[in-house]
Amino acid sequence: MDKSRIPERVAEFIRERAGKLNYELVDISARAGRGLSMEVVIDKEGGITLGECSAFNREVASWLDMENIFARGYTLDVCSPGLDRVLKSDADLLWAVGKQVEVNMREPVDGRSTVAGKLLKADGEEGIVIEEAGGNTFFTGRDNVARVKLSMTMEK
């Protein structure tokens, strides 16, 4: 999450509003250009709808305008994490236990740098365990995990 260009009071407002609506704040990112461009990624149990993203966008934008936080203007995009959500934190990994994932590793294990399957266990200190198609289990240490994302593969 790149919050270096987002004022703390903006991030705090977004966190508080998301929490009050029982939304998970997945990510906040920003980049500068002609003005600040912010992306807020939210989710909730059962999935977030386009209407909920739109309503949250209007609420945050109204607050930003009322508080006159960005003098040079800004762009705000509120969206869902999508079907191929990247899992960045230990909490994300715990949430994904039982779901299909794809793991990219920093160093190959058994000659493979990517493995896909059902996430069986995610421990921030020990590592992750994946059940591959065919029932084989695969383990790699957490420090060897470069990226984990939800897999778009349909379960049978």
C-alpha atoms as a PDB file:
ATOM      1  CA  MET A   1       0.000   0.000   0.000  1.00  0.00           C
ATOM      2  CA  ASP A   2       1.617   3.242  -1.115  1.00  0.00           C
ATOM      3  CA  LYS A   3       0.205   5.819   1.254  1.00  0.00           C
ATOM      4  CA  SER A   4       3.185   8.154   1.011  1.00  0.00           C
ATOM      5  CA  ARG A   5       1.167  10.738  -0.941  1.00  0.00           C
ATOM      6  CA  ILE A   6      -2.075  10.262   0.960  1.00  0.00           C
ATOM      7  CA  PRO A   7      -2.464  12.447   4.040  1.00  0.00           C
ATOM      8  CA  GLU A   8      -2.959  10.396   7.189  1.00  0.00           C
ATOM      9  CA  ARG A   9      -6.308  12.036   7.934  1.00  0.00           C
ATOM     10  CA  VAL A  10      -7.583  10.899   4.511  1.00  0.00           C
ATOM     11  CA  ALA A  11      -6.397   7.323   5.086  1.00  0.00           C
ATOM     12  CA  GLU A  12      -7.939   7.391   8.571  1.00  0.00           C
ATOM     13  CA  PHE A  13     -11.301   8.644   7.246  1.00  0.00           C
ATOM     14  CA  ILE A  14     -11.341   5.899   4.602  1.00  0.00           C
ATOM     15  CA  ARG A  15     -10.415   3.215   7.175  1.00  0.00           C
ATOM     16  CA  GLU A  16     -13.090   4.400   9.620  1.00  0.00           C
ATOM     17  CA  ARG A  17     -15.865   4.627   6.996  1.00  0.00           C
ATOM     18  CA  ALA A  18     -14.986   1.219   5.559  1.00  0.00           C
ATOM     19  CA  GLY A  19     -15.062  -0.278   9.054  1.00  0.00           C
ATOM     20  CA  LYS A  20     -18.440   1.266   9.901  1.00  0.00           C
ATOM     21  CA  LEU A  21     -19.891  -0.237   6.721  1.00  0.00           C
ATOM     22  CA  ASN A  22     -18.321  -3.641   7.484  1.00  0.00           C
ATOM     23  CA  TYR A  23     -16.094  -3.349   4.430  1.00  0.00           C
ATOM     24  CA  GLU A  24     -12.546  -4.646   4.362  1.00  0.00           C
ATOM     25  CA  LEU A  25     -10.092  -1.996   3.228  1.00  0.00           C
ATOM     26  CA  VAL A  26      -7.869  -4.105   0.978  1.00  0.00           C
ATOM     27  CA  ASP A  27      -5.596  -1.352  -0.311  1.00  0.00           C
ATOM     28  CA  ILE A  28      -5.121   2.385  -0.758  1.00  0.00           C
ATOM     29  CA  SER A  29      -2.642   3.565  -3.349  1.00  0.00           C
ATOM     30  CA  ALA A  30      -1.765   6.903  -4.894  1.00  0.00           C
ATOM     31  CA  ARG A  31       0.303   8.371  -7.649  1.00  0.00           C
ATOM     32  CA  ALA A  32       1.021  11.938  -8.576  1.00  0.00           C
ATOM     33  CA  GLY A  33       0.609  13.527 -11.970  1.00  0.00           C
ATOM     34  CA  ARG A  34      -1.447  16.565 -12.861  1.00  0.00           C
ATOM     35  CA  GLY A  35      -3.130  15.927  -9.563  1.00  0.00           C
ATOM     36  CA  LEU A  36      -3.313  13.104  -7.107  1.00  0.00           C
ATOM     37  CA  SER A  37      -4.814   9.862  -8.365  1.00  0.00           C
ATOM     38  CA  MET A  38      -6.037   7.575  -5.588  1.00  0.00           C
ATOM     39  CA  GLU A  39      -7.314   4.031  -5.786  1.00  0.00           C
ATOM     40  CA  VAL A  40      -9.241   2.527  -2.880  1.00  0.00           C
ATOM     41  CA  VAL A  41      -9.888  -1.209  -2.970  1.00  0.00           C
ATOM     42  CA  ILE A  42     -12.685  -2.507  -0.732  1.00  0.00           C
ATOM     43  CA  ASP A  43     -14.342  -5.864  -0.218  1.00  0.00           C
ATOM     44  CA  LYS A  44     -16.798  -7.531   2.127  1.00  0.00           C
ATOM     45  CA  GLU A  45     -17.972 -10.991   3.068  1.00  0.00           C
ATOM     46  CA  GLY A  46     -19.768 -12.390   0.035  1.00  0.00           C
ATOM     47  CA  GLY A  47     -18.228  -9.802  -2.298  1.00  0.00           C
ATOM     48  CA  ILE A  48     -18.672  -6.093  -2.856  1.00  0.00           C
ATOM     49  CA  THR A  49     -21.057  -4.792  -5.516  1.00  0.00           C
ATOM     50  CA  LEU A  50     -20.502  -2.091  -8.105  1.00  0.00           C
ATOM     51  CA  GLY A  51     -23.233  -0.033  -6.415  1.00  0.00           C
ATOM     52  CA  GLU A  52     -21.478  -0.270  -3.047  1.00  0.00           C
ATOM     53  CA  CYS A  53     -18.179   0.817  -4.620  1.00  0.00           C
ATOM     54  CA  SER A  54     -19.934   3.736  -6.310  1.00  0.00           C
ATOM     55  CA  ALA A  55     -21.682   4.828  -3.098  1.00  0.00           C
ATOM     56  CA  PHE A  56     -18.399   4.625  -1.146  1.00  0.00           C
ATOM     57  CA  ASN A  57     -16.685   6.664  -3.874  1.00  0.00           C
ATOM     58  CA  ARG A  58     -19.343   9.396  -3.616  1.00  0.00           C
ATOM     59  CA  GLU A  59     -19.080   9.465   0.177  1.00  0.00           C
ATOM     60  CA  VAL A  60     -15.283   9.762   0.208  1.00  0.00           C
ATOM     61  CA  ALA A  61     -15.262  12.337  -2.623  1.00  0.00           C
ATOM     62  CA  SER A  62     -17.894  14.440  -0.825  1.00  0.00           C
ATOM     63  CA  TRP A  63     -15.811  14.439   2.342  1.00  0.00           C
ATOM     64  CA  LEU A  64     -12.611  15.294   0.426  1.00  0.00           C
ATOM     65  CA  ASP A  65     -14.371  18.200  -1.304  1.00  0.00           C
ATOM     66  CA  MET A  66     -15.967  19.448   1.929  1.00  0.00           C
ATOM     67  CA  GLU A  67     -12.609  19.360   3.723  1.00  0.00           C
ATOM     68  CA  ASN A  68     -10.830  20.914   0.699  1.00  0.00           C
ATOM     69  CA  ILE A  69      -7.870  18.593   1.162  1.00  0.00           C
ATOM     70  CA  PHE A  70      -6.404  18.580  -2.359  1.00  0.00           C
ATOM     71  CA  ALA A  71      -5.960  22.068  -3.781  1.00  0.00           C
ATOM     72  CA  ARG A  72      -4.630  20.813  -7.149  1.00  0.00           C
ATOM     73  CA  GLY A  73      -7.476  18.371  -7.662  1.00  0.00           C
ATOM     74  CA  TYR A  74      -7.620  14.609  -7.449  1.00  0.00           C
ATOM     75  CA  THR A  75      -9.038  11.505  -9.055  1.00  0.00           C
ATOM     76  CA  LEU A  76     -10.637   8.850  -6.877  1.00  0.00           C
ATOM     77  CA  ASP A  77     -11.373   5.300  -7.955  1.00  0.00           C
ATOM     78  CA  VAL A  78     -13.077   2.881  -5.567  1.00  0.00           C
ATOM     79  CA  CYS A  79     -13.133  -0.711  -6.760  1.00  0.00           C
ATOM     80  CA  SER A  80     -13.262  -4.356  -5.741  1.00  0.00           C
ATOM     81  CA  PRO A  81     -10.135  -6.497  -5.543  1.00  0.00           C
ATOM     82  CA  GLY A  82     -11.277  -8.572  -8.525  1.00  0.00           C
ATOM     83  CA  LEU A  83     -11.227 -12.274  -9.184  1.00  0.00           C
ATOM     84  CA  ASP A  84      -7.432 -12.467  -9.321  1.00  0.00           C
ATOM     85  CA  ARG A  85      -6.861 -10.556  -6.095  1.00  0.00           C
ATOM     86  CA  VAL A  86      -3.249 -10.317  -4.959  1.00  0.00           C
ATOM     87  CA  LEU A  87      -2.914 -11.436  -1.334  1.00  0.00           C
ATOM     88  CA  LYS A  88      -0.464  -9.076   0.340  1.00  0.00           C
ATOM     89  CA  SER A  89      -0.770  -9.527   4.088  1.00  0.00           C
ATOM     90  CA  ASP A  90      -0.911 -12.420   6.528  1.00  0.00           C
ATOM     91  CA  ALA A  91      -4.568 -11.516   7.116  1.00  0.00           C
ATOM     92  CA  ASP A  92      -5.211 -11.818   3.352  1.00  0.00           C
ATOM     93  CA  LEU A  93      -3.606 -15.269   3.349  1.00  0.00           C
ATOM     94  CA  LEU A  94      -5.652 -16.417   6.341  1.00  0.00           C
ATOM     95  CA  TRP A  95      -8.794 -15.177   4.597  1.00  0.00           C
ATOM     96  CA  ALA A  96      -7.855 -17.221   1.503  1.00  0.00           C
ATOM     97  CA  VAL A  97      -7.412 -20.576   3.274  1.00  0.00           C
ATOM     98  CA  GLY A  98      -9.593 -23.050   1.398  1.00  0.00           C
ATOM     99  CA  LYS A  99      -9.515 -21.018  -1.821  1.00  0.00           C
ATOM    100  CA  GLN A 100      -7.601 -21.646  -5.058  1.00  0.00           C
ATOM    101  CA  VAL A 101      -4.367 -19.647  -5.274  1.00  0.00           C
ATOM    102  CA  GLU A 102      -1.270 -19.266  -7.399  1.00  0.00           C
ATOM    103  CA  VAL A 103       2.056 -18.772  -5.609  1.00  0.00           C
ATOM    104  CA  ASN A 104       5.189 -17.284  -7.195  1.00  0.00           C
ATOM    105  CA  MET A 105       8.378 -17.995  -5.269  1.00  0.00           C
ATOM    106  CA  ARG A 106      11.594 -16.027  -4.952  1.00  0.00           C
ATOM    107  CA  GLU A 107      13.718 -19.190  -5.309  1.00  0.00           C
ATOM    108  CA  PRO A 108      12.491 -22.311  -7.154  1.00  0.00           C
ATOM    109  CA  VAL A 109      11.464 -25.323  -5.072  1.00  0.00           C
ATOM    110  CA  ASP A 110      11.899 -28.710  -6.751  1.00  0.00           C
ATOM    111  CA  GLY A 111      12.640 -26.819  -9.971  1.00  0.00           C
ATOM    112  CA  ARG A 112       9.379 -24.859  -9.914  1.00  0.00           C
ATOM    113  CA  SER A 113       8.957 -21.139  -9.355  1.00  0.00           C
ATOM    114  CA  THR A 114       5.134 -21.209  -9.460  1.00  0.00           C
ATOM    115  CA  VAL A 115       2.647 -23.575  -7.853  1.00  0.00           C
ATOM    116  CA  ALA A 116      -1.150 -23.512  -7.903  1.00  0.00           C
ATOM    117  CA  GLY A 117      -3.807 -25.230  -5.854  1.00  0.00           C
ATOM    118  CA  LYS A 118      -5.982 -24.980  -2.776  1.00  0.00           C
ATOM    119  CA  LEU A 119      -4.429 -23.013   0.083  1.00  0.00           C
ATOM    120  CA  LEU A 120      -4.535 -25.353   3.091  1.00  0.00           C
ATOM    121  CA  LYS A 121      -2.473 -23.406   5.600  1.00  0.00           C
ATOM    122  CA  ALA A 122      -0.991 -19.932   5.845  1.00  0.00           C
ATOM    123  CA  ASP A 123       1.289 -19.164   8.737  1.00  0.00           C
ATOM    124  CA  GLY A 124       3.113 -15.843   8.665  1.00  0.00           C
ATOM    125  CA  GLU A 125       6.199 -17.285  10.310  1.00  0.00           C
ATOM    126  CA  GLU A 126       6.329 -20.868   9.038  1.00  0.00           C
ATOM    127  CA  GLY A 127       4.987 -20.762   5.509  1.00  0.00           C
ATOM    128  CA  ILE A 128       2.177 -21.902   3.305  1.00  0.00           C
ATOM    129  CA  VAL A 129       0.803 -25.305   2.338  1.00  0.00           C
ATOM    130  CA  ILE A 130      -0.918 -25.851  -1.006  1.00  0.00           C
ATOM    131  CA  GLU A 131      -2.889 -28.900  -2.115  1.00  0.00           C
ATOM    132  CA  GLU A 132      -2.201 -29.342  -5.806  1.00  0.00           C
ATOM    133  CA  ALA A 133      -4.466 -31.071  -8.308  1.00  0.00           C
ATOM    134  CA  GLY A 134      -4.111 -34.784  -7.684  1.00  0.00           C
ATOM    135  CA  GLY A 135      -3.840 -34.356  -3.920  1.00  0.00           C
ATOM    136  CA  ASN A 136      -0.101 -33.693  -3.538  1.00  0.00           C
ATOM    137  CA  THR A 137       0.779 -31.114  -0.889  1.00  0.00           C
ATOM    138  CA  PHE A 138       3.399 -28.450  -1.416  1.00  0.00           C
ATOM    139  CA  PHE A 139       5.138 -26.369   1.264  1.00  0.00           C
ATOM    140  CA  THR A 140       7.321 -23.298   1.013  1.00  0.00           C
ATOM    141  CA  GLY A 141       8.558 -20.949   3.711  1.00  0.00           C
ATOM    142  CA  ARG A 142       6.929 -17.525   3.987  1.00  0.00           C
ATOM    143  CA  ASP A 143      10.245 -15.826   3.243  1.00  0.00           C
ATOM    144  CA  ASN A 144      10.346 -17.600  -0.146  1.00  0.00           C
ATOM    145  CA  VAL A 145       6.933 -16.300  -1.222  1.00  0.00           C
ATOM    146  CA  ALA A 146       7.206 -13.480  -3.758  1.00  0.00           C
ATOM    147  CA  ARG A 147       3.510 -13.161  -4.618  1.00  0.00           C
ATOM    148  CA  VAL A 148       0.234 -14.957  -3.948  1.00  0.00           C
ATOM    149  CA  LYS A 149      -2.959 -14.290  -5.845  1.00  0.00           C
ATOM    150  CA  LEU A 150      -6.360 -15.873  -6.047  1.00  0.00           C
ATOM    151  CA  SER A 151      -6.530 -18.261  -8.964  1.00  0.00           C
ATOM    152  CA  MET A 152      -9.054 -17.841 -11.711  1.00  0.00           C
ATOM    153  CA  THR A 153      -9.163 -21.627 -12.095  1.00  0.00           C
ATOM    154  CA  MET A 154     -12.631 -23.042 -11.579  1.00  0.00           C
ATOM    155  CA  GLU A 155     -12.891 -25.723  -8.901  1.00  0.00           C
ATOM    156  CA  LYS A 156     -14.427 -29.030  -9.960  1.00  0.00           C
END
